[in-house]
Amino acid sequence: MRVFGIALVRSAALAAMLLCLLAGSLAAQNEPDMQLVSKDAEIVAVVGEEDGEGLWIVTADGTSYSVWTPEDLPLEALSAFQQNYKNKEVTLTGDVFKDKFGNLNLFVKTLPTP
């Protein structure tokens, strides 16, 4: 009876280990493509010209960021911001993420108003 109990415990431990490995593998596959680099970062940069790719900024050291805004921000507000600040320095605050290609993305909650 004792041998049966030890075999049962070993089988349960092996099953638990396999489930943990499987769960870890699934979690790695579902990992988002974006990696948080900095939270609530304050970026001072020049707003780029409209190029069909959306809003982007470039810092004094040449680092480029795509700027992402909340979905509820009206397109008119984004367009006005871009027109008023293009080729001008601005300070934006948000979370910086790096995508799987190494591009930096700045997620802001609001944009400065002129």
PDB file of N, CA and C in Angstrom:
ATOM      1  N   MET A   1       0.828  -1.180   0.000  1.00  0.00           N
ATOM      2  CA  MET A   1       0.000   0.000   0.000  1.00  0.00           C
ATOM      3  C   MET A   1       0.878   1.252   0.000  1.00  0.00           C
ATOM      4  N   ARG A   2       1.967   1.228   0.766  1.00  0.00           N
ATOM      5  CA  ARG A   2       2.846   2.376   0.828  1.00  0.00           C
ATOM      6  C   ARG A   2       3.492   2.641  -0.538  1.00  0.00           C
ATOM      7  N   VAL A   3       3.878   1.605  -1.260  1.00  0.00           N
ATOM      8  CA  VAL A   3       4.475   1.756  -2.587  1.00  0.00           C
ATOM      9  C   VAL A   3       3.471   2.410  -3.535  1.00  0.00           C
ATOM     10  N   PHE A   4       2.217   1.996  -3.438  1.00  0.00           N
ATOM     11  CA  PHE A   4       1.160   2.574  -4.253  1.00  0.00           C
ATOM     12  C   PHE A   4       1.012   4.068  -3.972  1.00  0.00           C
ATOM     13  N   GLY A   5       1.094   4.469  -2.704  1.00  0.00           N
ATOM     14  CA  GLY A   5       0.972   5.877  -2.301  1.00  0.00           C
ATOM     15  C   GLY A   5       2.115   6.713  -2.851  1.00  0.00           C
ATOM     16  N   ILE A   6       3.346   6.165  -2.806  1.00  0.00           N
ATOM     17  CA  ILE A   6       4.511   6.887  -3.325  1.00  0.00           C
ATOM     18  C   ILE A   6       4.389   7.047  -4.833  1.00  0.00           C
ATOM     19  N   ALA A   7       3.955   6.013  -5.521  1.00  0.00           N
ATOM     20  CA  ALA A   7       3.775   6.092  -6.976  1.00  0.00           C
ATOM     21  C   ALA A   7       2.711   7.130  -7.328  1.00  0.00           C
ATOM     22  N   LEU A   8       1.657   7.180  -6.535  1.00  0.00           N
ATOM     23  CA  LEU A   8       0.586   8.144  -6.775  1.00  0.00           C
ATOM     24  C   LEU A   8       1.095   9.578  -6.584  1.00  0.00           C
ATOM     25  N   VAL A   9       1.889   9.802  -5.529  1.00  0.00           N
ATOM     26  CA  VAL A   9       2.445  11.128  -5.272  1.00  0.00           C
ATOM     27  C   VAL A   9       3.389  11.531  -6.400  1.00  0.00           C
ATOM     28  N   ARG A  10       4.236  10.610  -6.855  1.00  0.00           N
ATOM     29  CA  ARG A  10       5.157  10.904  -7.954  1.00  0.00           C
ATOM     30  C   ARG A  10       4.394  11.226  -9.235  1.00  0.00           C
ATOM     31  N   SER A  11       3.350  10.484  -9.512  1.00  0.00           N
ATOM     32  CA  SER A  11       2.538  10.737 -10.711  1.00  0.00           C
ATOM     33  C   SER A  11       1.875  12.105 -10.634  1.00  0.00           C
ATOM     34  N   ALA A  12       1.370  12.452  -9.461  1.00  0.00           N
ATOM     35  CA  ALA A  12       0.726  13.751  -9.282  1.00  0.00           C
ATOM     36  C   ALA A  12       1.755  14.878  -9.434  1.00  0.00           C
ATOM     37  N   ALA A  13       2.950  14.680  -8.891  1.00  0.00           N
ATOM     38  CA  ALA A  13       4.003  15.693  -8.999  1.00  0.00           C
ATOM     39  C   ALA A  13       4.429  15.870 -10.459  1.00  0.00           C
ATOM     40  N   LEU A  14       4.548  14.777 -11.189  1.00  0.00           N
ATOM     41  CA  LEU A  14       4.918  14.835 -12.604  1.00  0.00           C
ATOM     42  C   LEU A  14       3.833  15.554 -13.405  1.00  0.00           C
ATOM     43  N   ALA A  15       2.575  15.235 -13.129  1.00  0.00           N
ATOM     44  CA  ALA A  15       1.467  15.890 -13.822  1.00  0.00           C
ATOM     45  C   ALA A  15       1.455  17.388 -13.527  1.00  0.00           C
ATOM     46  N   ALA A  16       1.688  17.760 -12.281  1.00  0.00           N
ATOM     47  CA  ALA A  16       1.717  19.174 -11.896  1.00  0.00           C
ATOM     48  C   ALA A  16       2.859  19.903 -12.601  1.00  0.00           C
ATOM     49  N   MET A  17       4.012  19.258 -12.680  1.00  0.00           N
ATOM     50  CA  MET A  17       5.157  19.864 -13.352  1.00  0.00           C
ATOM     51  C   MET A  17       4.866  20.059 -14.841  1.00  0.00           C
ATOM     52  N   LEU A  18       4.257  19.078 -15.476  1.00  0.00           N
ATOM     53  CA  LEU A  18       3.920  19.199 -16.894  1.00  0.00           C
ATOM     54  C   LEU A  18       2.905  20.316 -17.130  1.00  0.00           C
ATOM     55  N   LEU A  19       1.922  20.432 -16.234  1.00  0.00           N
ATOM     56  CA  LEU A  19       0.940  21.510 -16.357  1.00  0.00           C
ATOM     57  C   LEU A  19       1.600  22.882 -16.209  1.00  0.00           C
ATOM     58  N   CYS A  20       2.547  23.000 -15.286  1.00  0.00           N
ATOM     59  CA  CYS A  20       3.256  24.276 -15.106  1.00  0.00           C
ATOM     60  C   CYS A  20       4.061  24.629 -16.349  1.00  0.00           C
ATOM     61  N   LEU A  21       4.743  23.657 -16.931  1.00  0.00           N
ATOM     62  CA  LEU A  21       5.518  23.895 -18.142  1.00  0.00           C
ATOM     63  C   LEU A  21       4.613  24.313 -19.296  1.00  0.00           C
ATOM     64  N   LEU A  22       3.475  23.636 -19.427  1.00  0.00           N
ATOM     65  CA  LEU A  22       2.525  23.967 -20.478  1.00  0.00           C
ATOM     66  C   LEU A  22       1.969  25.369 -20.278  1.00  0.00           C
ATOM     67  N   ALA A  23       1.616  25.712 -19.061  1.00  0.00           N
ATOM     68  CA  ALA A  23       1.081  27.048 -18.760  1.00  0.00           C
ATOM     69  C   ALA A  23       2.127  28.120 -19.053  1.00  0.00           C
ATOM     70  N   GLY A  24       3.369  27.878 -18.695  1.00  0.00           N
ATOM     71  CA  GLY A  24       4.440  28.835 -18.970  1.00  0.00           C
ATOM     72  C   GLY A  24       4.657  29.027 -20.456  1.00  0.00           C
ATOM     73  N   SER A  25       4.581  27.951 -21.214  1.00  0.00           N
ATOM     74  CA  SER A  25       4.733  28.022 -22.664  1.00  0.00           C
ATOM     75  C   SER A  25       3.605  28.835 -23.285  1.00  0.00           C
ATOM     76  N   LEU A  26       2.377  28.604 -22.830  1.00  0.00           N
ATOM     77  CA  LEU A  26       1.230  29.356 -23.356  1.00  0.00           C
ATOM     78  C   LEU A  26       1.338  30.830 -23.000  1.00  0.00           C
ATOM     79  N   ALA A  27       1.791  31.139 -21.799  1.00  0.00           N
ATOM     80  CA  ALA A  27       1.933  32.534 -21.383  1.00  0.00           C
ATOM     81  C   ALA A  27       2.966  33.250 -22.246  1.00  0.00           C
ATOM     82  N   ALA A  28       4.060  32.586 -22.570  1.00  0.00           N
ATOM     83  CA  ALA A  28       5.093  33.188 -23.410  1.00  0.00           C
ATOM     84  C   ALA A  28       4.570  33.452 -24.818  1.00  0.00           C
ATOM     85  N   GLN A  29       3.729  32.572 -25.343  1.00  0.00           N
ATOM     86  CA  GLN A  29       3.172  32.756 -26.675  1.00  0.00           C
ATOM     87  C   GLN A  29       2.195  33.919 -26.714  1.00  0.00           C
ATOM     88  N   ASN A  30       1.508  34.191 -25.608  1.00  0.00           N
ATOM     89  CA  ASN A  30       0.517  35.257 -25.555  1.00  0.00           C
ATOM     90  C   ASN A  30       1.104  36.581 -25.083  1.00  0.00           C
ATOM     91  N   GLU A  31       2.419  36.642 -24.896  1.00  0.00           N
ATOM     92  CA  GLU A  31       3.054  37.878 -24.430  1.00  0.00           C
ATOM     93  C   GLU A  31       2.857  38.976 -25.465  1.00  0.00           C
ATOM     94  N   PRO A  32       2.472  40.166 -25.031  1.00  0.00           N
ATOM     95  CA  PRO A  32       2.230  41.251 -25.988  1.00  0.00           C
ATOM     96  C   PRO A  32       3.519  41.639 -26.709  1.00  0.00           C
ATOM     97  N   ASP A  33       3.350  42.237 -27.882  1.00  0.00           N
ATOM     98  CA  ASP A  33       4.496  42.647 -28.688  1.00  0.00           C
ATOM     99  C   ASP A  33       5.179  43.890 -28.146  1.00  0.00           C
ATOM    100  N   MET A  34       4.563  44.541 -27.172  1.00  0.00           N
ATOM    101  CA  MET A  34       5.112  45.772 -26.631  1.00  0.00           C
ATOM    102  C   MET A  34       5.710  45.535 -25.250  1.00  0.00           C
ATOM    103  N   GLN A  35       6.904  46.093 -25.041  1.00  0.00           N
ATOM    104  CA  GLN A  35       7.587  45.968 -23.755  1.00  0.00           C
ATOM    105  C   GLN A  35       7.693  47.360 -23.133  1.00  0.00           C
ATOM    106  N   LEU A  36       7.214  47.492 -21.895  1.00  0.00           N
ATOM    107  CA  LEU A  36       7.276  48.775 -21.198  1.00  0.00           C
ATOM    108  C   LEU A  36       8.731  49.153 -20.940  1.00  0.00           C
ATOM    109  N   VAL A  37       9.105  50.351 -21.365  1.00  0.00           N
ATOM    110  CA  VAL A  37      10.460  50.860 -21.162  1.00  0.00           C
ATOM    111  C   VAL A  37      10.477  51.856 -20.011  1.00  0.00           C
ATOM    112  N   SER A  38       9.477  52.745 -19.982  1.00  0.00           N
ATOM    113  CA  SER A  38       9.425  53.772 -18.955  1.00  0.00           C
ATOM    114  C   SER A  38       7.979  54.207 -18.739  1.00  0.00           C
ATOM    115  N   LYS A  39       7.605  54.353 -17.479  1.00  0.00           N
ATOM    116  CA  LYS A  39       6.246  54.775 -17.134  1.00  0.00           C
ATOM    117  C   LYS A  39       6.261  56.260 -16.786  1.00  0.00           C
ATOM    118  N   ASP A  40       5.267  56.988 -17.262  1.00  0.00           N
ATOM    119  CA  ASP A  40       5.130  58.431 -17.009  1.00  0.00           C
ATOM    120  C   ASP A  40       6.399  59.212 -17.370  1.00  0.00           C
ATOM    121  N   ALA A  41       6.969  58.876 -18.514  1.00  0.00           N
ATOM    122  CA  ALA A  41       8.176  59.558 -18.983  1.00  0.00           C
ATOM    123  C   ALA A  41       7.815  60.933 -19.539  1.00  0.00           C
ATOM    124  N   GLU A  42       8.674  61.884 -19.313  1.00  0.00           N
ATOM    125  CA  GLU A  42       8.505  63.225 -19.863  1.00  0.00           C
ATOM    126  C   GLU A  42       9.506  63.360 -21.007  1.00  0.00           C
ATOM    127  N   ILE A  43       8.987  63.489 -22.224  1.00  0.00           N
ATOM    128  CA  ILE A  43       9.829  63.538 -23.417  1.00  0.00           C
ATOM    129  C   ILE A  43       9.750  64.936 -24.028  1.00  0.00           C
ATOM    130  N   VAL A  44      10.905  65.566 -24.202  1.00  0.00           N
ATOM    131  CA  VAL A  44      10.996  66.867 -24.865  1.00  0.00           C
ATOM    132  C   VAL A  44      11.501  66.584 -26.269  1.00  0.00           C
ATOM    133  N   ALA A  45      10.685  66.954 -27.261  1.00  0.00           N
ATOM    134  CA  ALA A  45      11.023  66.615 -28.641  1.00  0.00           C
ATOM    135  C   ALA A  45      10.348  67.568 -29.610  1.00  0.00           C
ATOM    136  N   VAL A  46      10.766  67.475 -30.871  1.00  0.00           N
ATOM    137  CA  VAL A  46      10.186  68.274 -31.947  1.00  0.00           C
ATOM    138  C   VAL A  46       9.143  67.420 -32.656  1.00  0.00           C
ATOM    139  N   VAL A  47       7.983  68.022 -32.900  1.00  0.00           N
ATOM    140  CA  VAL A  47       6.898  67.323 -33.590  1.00  0.00           C
ATOM    141  C   VAL A  47       7.229  67.259 -35.078  1.00  0.00           C
ATOM    142  N   GLY A  48       7.146  66.056 -35.633  1.00  0.00           N
ATOM    143  CA  GLY A  48       7.447  65.853 -37.045  1.00  0.00           C
ATOM    144  C   GLY A  48       6.315  66.293 -37.954  1.00  0.00           C
ATOM    145  N   GLU A  49       6.626  66.420 -39.226  1.00  0.00           N
ATOM    146  CA  GLU A  49       5.624  66.753 -40.236  1.00  0.00           C
ATOM    147  C   GLU A  49       4.730  65.548 -40.479  1.00  0.00           C
ATOM    148  N   GLU A  50       3.518  65.786 -40.936  1.00  0.00           N
ATOM    149  CA  GLU A  50       2.595  64.693 -41.258  1.00  0.00           C
ATOM    150  C   GLU A  50       3.176  63.903 -42.427  1.00  0.00           C
ATOM    151  N   ASP A  51       3.252  62.593 -42.242  1.00  0.00           N
ATOM    152  CA  ASP A  51       3.809  61.756 -43.304  1.00  0.00           C
ATOM    153  C   ASP A  51       2.904  60.571 -43.645  1.00  0.00           C
ATOM    154  N   GLY A  52       1.666  60.617 -43.192  1.00  0.00           N
ATOM    155  CA  GLY A  52       0.749  59.518 -43.465  1.00  0.00           C
ATOM    156  C   GLY A  52       0.872  58.371 -42.484  1.00  0.00           C
ATOM    157  N   GLU A  53       1.895  58.402 -41.641  1.00  0.00           N
ATOM    158  CA  GLU A  53       2.127  57.334 -40.660  1.00  0.00           C
ATOM    159  C   GLU A  53       1.601  57.696 -39.286  1.00  0.00           C
ATOM    160  N   GLY A  54       1.084  58.899 -39.133  1.00  0.00           N
ATOM    161  CA  GLY A  54       0.602  59.321 -37.833  1.00  0.00           C
ATOM    162  C   GLY A  54       1.526  60.337 -37.199  1.00  0.00           C
ATOM    163  N   LEU A  55       1.321  60.573 -35.930  1.00  0.00           N
ATOM    164  CA  LEU A  55       2.072  61.574 -35.182  1.00  0.00           C
ATOM    165  C   LEU A  55       3.390  60.978 -34.697  1.00  0.00           C
ATOM    166  N   TRP A  56       4.480  61.716 -34.872  1.00  0.00           N
ATOM    167  CA  TRP A  56       5.777  61.273 -34.376  1.00  0.00           C
ATOM    168  C   TRP A  56       6.587  62.473 -33.911  1.00  0.00           C
ATOM    169  N   ILE A  57       7.521  62.191 -33.019  1.00  0.00           N
ATOM    170  CA  ILE A  57       8.390  63.234 -32.465  1.00  0.00           C
ATOM    171  C   ILE A  57       9.838  62.745 -32.498  1.00  0.00           C
ATOM    172  N   VAL A  58      10.767  63.697 -32.471  1.00  0.00           N
ATOM    173  CA  VAL A  58      12.195  63.380 -32.470  1.00  0.00           C
ATOM    174  C   VAL A  58      12.875  64.219 -31.396  1.00  0.00           C
ATOM    175  N   THR A  59      13.636  63.554 -30.515  1.00  0.00           N
ATOM    176  CA  THR A  59      14.352  64.259 -29.446  1.00  0.00           C
ATOM    177  C   THR A  59      15.637  64.881 -29.996  1.00  0.00           C
ATOM    178  N   ALA A  60      16.288  65.707 -29.176  1.00  0.00           N
ATOM    179  CA  ALA A  60      17.525  66.386 -29.570  1.00  0.00           C
ATOM    180  C   ALA A  60      18.634  65.392 -29.919  1.00  0.00           C
ATOM    181  N   ASP A  61      18.602  64.193 -29.294  1.00  0.00           N
ATOM    182  CA  ASP A  61      19.644  63.205 -29.594  1.00  0.00           C
ATOM    183  C   ASP A  61      19.283  62.314 -30.786  1.00  0.00           C
ATOM    184  N   GLY A  62      18.158  62.624 -31.455  1.00  0.00           N
ATOM    185  CA  GLY A  62      17.773  61.884 -32.659  1.00  0.00           C
ATOM    186  C   GLY A  62      16.862  60.687 -32.421  1.00  0.00           C
ATOM    187  N   THR A  63      16.433  60.465 -31.197  1.00  0.00           N
ATOM    188  CA  THR A  63      15.534  59.351 -30.900  1.00  0.00           C
ATOM    189  C   THR A  63      14.128  59.681 -31.389  1.00  0.00           C
ATOM    190  N   SER A  64      13.537  58.773 -32.167  1.00  0.00           N
ATOM    191  CA  SER A  64      12.189  58.968 -32.705  1.00  0.00           C
ATOM    192  C   SER A  64      11.177  58.161 -31.914  1.00  0.00           C
ATOM    193  N   TYR A  65      10.014  58.744 -31.733  1.00  0.00           N
ATOM    194  CA  TYR A  65       8.900  58.088 -31.056  1.00  0.00           C
ATOM    195  C   TYR A  65       7.645  58.236 -31.905  1.00  0.00           C
ATOM    196  N   SER A  66       6.907  57.172 -32.067  1.00  0.00           N
ATOM    197  CA  SER A  66       5.540  57.277 -32.574  1.00  0.00           C
ATOM    198  C   SER A  66       4.697  57.667 -31.377  1.00  0.00           C
ATOM    199  N   VAL A  67       3.786  58.611 -31.567  1.00  0.00           N
ATOM    200  CA  VAL A  67       2.943  59.060 -30.467  1.00  0.00           C
ATOM    201  C   VAL A  67       1.555  58.464 -30.653  1.00  0.00           C
ATOM    202  N   TRP A  68       1.102  57.760 -29.630  1.00  0.00           N
ATOM    203  CA  TRP A  68      -0.221  57.139 -29.636  1.00  0.00           C
ATOM    204  C   TRP A  68      -1.092  57.894 -28.650  1.00  0.00           C
ATOM    205  N   THR A  69      -2.309  58.191 -29.082  1.00  0.00           N
ATOM    206  CA  THR A  69      -3.255  58.945 -28.259  1.00  0.00           C
ATOM    207  C   THR A  69      -4.459  58.072 -27.928  1.00  0.00           C
ATOM    208  N   PRO A  70      -5.216  58.445 -26.906  1.00  0.00           N
ATOM    209  CA  PRO A  70      -6.422  57.679 -26.577  1.00  0.00           C
ATOM    210  C   PRO A  70      -7.412  57.682 -27.747  1.00  0.00           C
ATOM    211  N   GLU A  71      -8.171  56.609 -27.876  1.00  0.00           N
ATOM    212  CA  GLU A  71      -9.145  56.489 -28.961  1.00  0.00           C
ATOM    213  C   GLU A  71     -10.211  57.567 -28.898  1.00  0.00           C
ATOM    214  N   ASP A  72     -10.514  58.045 -27.689  1.00  0.00           N
ATOM    215  CA  ASP A  72     -11.579  59.042 -27.560  1.00  0.00           C
ATOM    216  C   ASP A  72     -11.111  60.465 -27.885  1.00  0.00           C
ATOM    217  N   LEU A  73      -9.830  60.643 -28.208  1.00  0.00           N
ATOM    218  CA  LEU A  73      -9.333  61.958 -28.608  1.00  0.00           C
ATOM    219  C   LEU A  73      -9.807  62.215 -30.037  1.00  0.00           C
ATOM    220  N   PRO A  74     -10.556  63.296 -30.261  1.00  0.00           N
ATOM    221  CA  PRO A  74     -11.071  63.566 -31.601  1.00  0.00           C
ATOM    222  C   PRO A  74      -9.940  63.763 -32.612  1.00  0.00           C
ATOM    223  N   LEU A  75     -10.167  63.312 -33.813  1.00  0.00           N
ATOM    224  CA  LEU A  75      -9.194  63.445 -34.890  1.00  0.00           C
ATOM    225  C   LEU A  75      -8.871  64.917 -35.151  1.00  0.00           C
ATOM    226  N   GLU A  76      -9.866  65.773 -34.976  1.00  0.00           N
ATOM    227  CA  GLU A  76      -9.658  67.208 -35.175  1.00  0.00           C
ATOM    228  C   GLU A  76      -8.636  67.759 -34.178  1.00  0.00           C
ATOM    229  N   ALA A  77      -8.701  67.279 -32.925  1.00  0.00           N
ATOM    230  CA  ALA A  77      -7.757  67.727 -31.894  1.00  0.00           C
ATOM    231  C   ALA A  77      -6.343  67.276 -32.233  1.00  0.00           C
ATOM    232  N   LEU A  78      -6.207  66.061 -32.727  1.00  0.00           N
ATOM    233  CA  LEU A  78      -4.899  65.541 -33.120  1.00  0.00           C
ATOM    234  C   LEU A  78      -4.342  66.335 -34.297  1.00  0.00           C
ATOM    235  N   SER A  79      -5.194  66.613 -35.268  1.00  0.00           N
ATOM    236  CA  SER A  79      -4.785  67.377 -36.435  1.00  0.00           C
ATOM    237  C   SER A  79      -4.380  68.801 -36.050  1.00  0.00           C
ATOM    238  N   ALA A  80      -5.156  69.426 -35.166  1.00  0.00           N
ATOM    239  CA  ALA A  80      -4.832  70.780 -34.709  1.00  0.00           C
ATOM    240  C   ALA A  80      -3.500  70.798 -33.966  1.00  0.00           C
ATOM    241  N   PHE A  81      -3.280  69.791 -33.115  1.00  0.00           N
ATOM    242  CA  PHE A  81      -2.010  69.699 -32.394  1.00  0.00           C
ATOM    243  C   PHE A  81      -0.852  69.612 -33.383  1.00  0.00           C
ATOM    244  N   GLN A  82      -0.986  68.733 -34.356  1.00  0.00           N
ATOM    245  CA  GLN A  82       0.091  68.529 -35.329  1.00  0.00           C
ATOM    246  C   GLN A  82       0.371  69.811 -36.118  1.00  0.00           C
ATOM    247  N   GLN A  83      -0.670  70.507 -36.533  1.00  0.00           N
ATOM    248  CA  GLN A  83      -0.470  71.742 -37.302  1.00  0.00           C
ATOM    249  C   GLN A  83       0.140  72.852 -36.464  1.00  0.00           C
ATOM    250  N   ASN A  84      -0.295  72.975 -35.204  1.00  0.00           N
ATOM    251  CA  ASN A  84       0.212  74.040 -34.344  1.00  0.00           C
ATOM    252  C   ASN A  84       1.630  73.796 -33.855  1.00  0.00           C
ATOM    253  N   TYR A  85       2.009  72.545 -33.716  1.00  0.00           N
ATOM    254  CA  TYR A  85       3.314  72.237 -33.125  1.00  0.00           C
ATOM    255  C   TYR A  85       4.329  71.628 -34.095  1.00  0.00           C
ATOM    256  N   LYS A  86       3.970  71.416 -35.359  1.00  0.00           N
ATOM    257  CA  LYS A  86       4.945  70.779 -36.256  1.00  0.00           C
ATOM    258  C   LYS A  86       6.205  71.628 -36.354  1.00  0.00           C
ATOM    259  N   ASN A  87       7.319  70.911 -36.283  1.00  0.00           N
ATOM    260  CA  ASN A  87       8.655  71.521 -36.307  1.00  0.00           C
ATOM    261  C   ASN A  87       8.941  72.402 -35.096  1.00  0.00           C
ATOM    262  N   LYS A  88       8.144  72.247 -34.036  1.00  0.00           N
ATOM    263  CA  LYS A  88       8.371  72.983 -32.791  1.00  0.00           C
ATOM    264  C   LYS A  88       8.607  71.994 -31.657  1.00  0.00           C
ATOM    265  N   GLU A  89       9.335  72.466 -30.653  1.00  0.00           N
ATOM    266  CA  GLU A  89       9.602  71.620 -29.493  1.00  0.00           C
ATOM    267  C   GLU A  89       8.399  71.597 -28.560  1.00  0.00           C
ATOM    268  N   VAL A  90       8.111  70.421 -28.030  1.00  0.00           N
ATOM    269  CA  VAL A  90       6.989  70.236 -27.121  1.00  0.00           C
ATOM    270  C   VAL A  90       7.392  69.205 -26.072  1.00  0.00           C
ATOM    271  N   THR A  91       6.752  69.257 -24.922  1.00  0.00           N
ATOM    272  CA  THR A  91       6.974  68.254 -23.883  1.00  0.00           C
ATOM    273  C   THR A  91       5.725  67.400 -23.768  1.00  0.00           C
ATOM    274  N   LEU A  92       5.895  66.097 -23.936  1.00  0.00           N
ATOM    275  CA  LEU A  92       4.790  65.146 -23.817  1.00  0.00           C
ATOM    276  C   LEU A  92       5.104  64.165 -22.695  1.00  0.00           C
ATOM    277  N   THR A  93       4.068  63.764 -21.970  1.00  0.00           N
ATOM    278  CA  THR A  93       4.227  62.811 -20.876  1.00  0.00           C
ATOM    279  C   THR A  93       3.388  61.580 -21.159  1.00  0.00           C
ATOM    280  N   GLY A  94       4.010  60.416 -20.982  1.00  0.00           N
ATOM    281  CA  GLY A  94       3.287  59.166 -21.206  1.00  0.00           C
ATOM    282  C   GLY A  94       4.161  57.962 -20.935  1.00  0.00           C
ATOM    283  N   ASP A  95       3.633  56.809 -21.279  1.00  0.00           N
ATOM    284  CA  ASP A  95       4.357  55.554 -21.097  1.00  0.00           C
ATOM    285  C   ASP A  95       5.074  55.191 -22.394  1.00  0.00           C
ATOM    286  N   VAL A  96       6.363  54.854 -22.272  1.00  0.00           N
ATOM    287  CA  VAL A  96       7.167  54.493 -23.439  1.00  0.00           C
ATOM    288  C   VAL A  96       7.225  52.970 -23.547  1.00  0.00           C
ATOM    289  N   PHE A  97       6.927  52.483 -24.746  1.00  0.00           N
ATOM    290  CA  PHE A  97       6.992  51.057 -25.033  1.00  0.00           C
ATOM    291  C   PHE A  97       7.907  50.833 -26.224  1.00  0.00           C
ATOM    292  N   LYS A  98       8.560  49.674 -26.249  1.00  0.00           N
ATOM    293  CA  LYS A  98       9.361  49.269 -27.397  1.00  0.00           C
ATOM    294  C   LYS A  98       8.639  48.098 -28.049  1.00  0.00           C
ATOM    295  N   ASP A  99       8.434  48.173 -29.370  1.00  0.00           N
ATOM    296  CA  ASP A  99       7.761  47.072 -30.052  1.00  0.00           C
ATOM    297  C   ASP A  99       8.769  46.001 -30.461  1.00  0.00           C
ATOM    298  N   LYS A 100       8.284  44.946 -31.063  1.00  0.00           N
ATOM    299  CA  LYS A 100       9.150  43.810 -31.396  1.00  0.00           C
ATOM    300  C   LYS A 100      10.201  44.157 -32.446  1.00  0.00           C
ATOM    301  N   PHE A 101      10.046  45.300 -33.122  1.00  0.00           N
ATOM    302  CA  PHE A 101      11.008  45.734 -34.120  1.00  0.00           C
ATOM    303  C   PHE A 101      12.020  46.734 -33.556  1.00  0.00           C
ATOM    304  N   GLY A 102      11.859  47.092 -32.270  1.00  0.00           N
ATOM    305  CA  GLY A 102      12.766  48.031 -31.627  1.00  0.00           C
ATOM    306  C   GLY A 102      12.317  49.479 -31.713  1.00  0.00           C
ATOM    307  N   ASN A 103      11.151  49.730 -32.317  1.00  0.00           N
ATOM    308  CA  ASN A 103      10.629  51.091 -32.421  1.00  0.00           C
ATOM    309  C   ASN A 103      10.073  51.547 -31.075  1.00  0.00           C
ATOM    310  N   LEU A 104      10.252  52.818 -30.771  1.00  0.00           N
ATOM    311  CA  LEU A 104       9.728  53.380 -29.523  1.00  0.00           C
ATOM    312  C   LEU A 104       8.376  54.026 -29.765  1.00  0.00           C
ATOM    313  N   ASN A 105       7.450  53.790 -28.856  1.00  0.00           N
ATOM    314  CA  ASN A 105       6.097  54.320 -28.932  1.00  0.00           C
ATOM    315  C   ASN A 105       5.775  55.015 -27.625  1.00  0.00           C
ATOM    316  N   LEU A 106       5.271  56.230 -27.719  1.00  0.00           N
ATOM    317  CA  LEU A 106       4.892  57.007 -26.541  1.00  0.00           C
ATOM    318  C   LEU A 106       3.370  57.052 -26.481  1.00  0.00           C
ATOM    319  N   PHE A 107       2.791  56.459 -25.436  1.00  0.00           N
ATOM    320  CA  PHE A 107       1.344  56.469 -25.232  1.00  0.00           C
ATOM    321  C   PHE A 107       1.005  57.605 -24.282  1.00  0.00           C
ATOM    322  N   VAL A 108       0.335  58.631 -24.809  1.00  0.00           N
ATOM    323  CA  VAL A 108      -0.026  59.789 -24.000  1.00  0.00           C
ATOM    324  C   VAL A 108      -1.517  59.758 -23.684  1.00  0.00           C
ATOM    325  N   LYS A 109      -1.888  60.368 -22.568  1.00  0.00           N
ATOM    326  CA  LYS A 109      -3.299  60.468 -22.205  1.00  0.00           C
ATOM    327  C   LYS A 109      -3.917  61.729 -22.772  1.00  0.00           C
ATOM    328  N   THR A 110      -3.112  62.795 -22.892  1.00  0.00           N
ATOM    329  CA  THR A 110      -3.590  64.063 -23.426  1.00  0.00           C
ATOM    330  C   THR A 110      -2.480  64.713 -24.252  1.00  0.00           C
ATOM    331  N   LEU A 111      -2.877  65.674 -25.047  1.00  0.00           N
ATOM    332  CA  LEU A 111      -1.930  66.484 -25.806  1.00  0.00           C
ATOM    333  C   LEU A 111      -2.041  67.922 -25.324  1.00  0.00           C
ATOM    334  N   PRO A 112      -0.932  68.662 -25.317  1.00  0.00           N
ATOM    335  CA  PRO A 112      -1.004  70.082 -24.940  1.00  0.00           C
ATOM    336  C   PRO A 112      -1.912  70.831 -25.927  1.00  0.00           C
ATOM    337  N   THR A 113      -2.596  71.819 -25.434  1.00  0.00           N
ATOM    338  CA  THR A 113      -3.426  72.645 -26.318  1.00  0.00           C
ATOM    339  C   THR A 113      -2.715  73.956 -26.572  1.00  0.00           C
ATOM    340  N   PRO A 114      -2.818  74.459 -27.794  1.00  0.00           N
ATOM    341  CA  PRO A 114      -2.116  75.714 -28.138  1.00  0.00           C
ATOM    342  C   PRO A 114      -2.697  76.915 -27.416  1.00  0.00           C
TER     343      PRO A 114
END
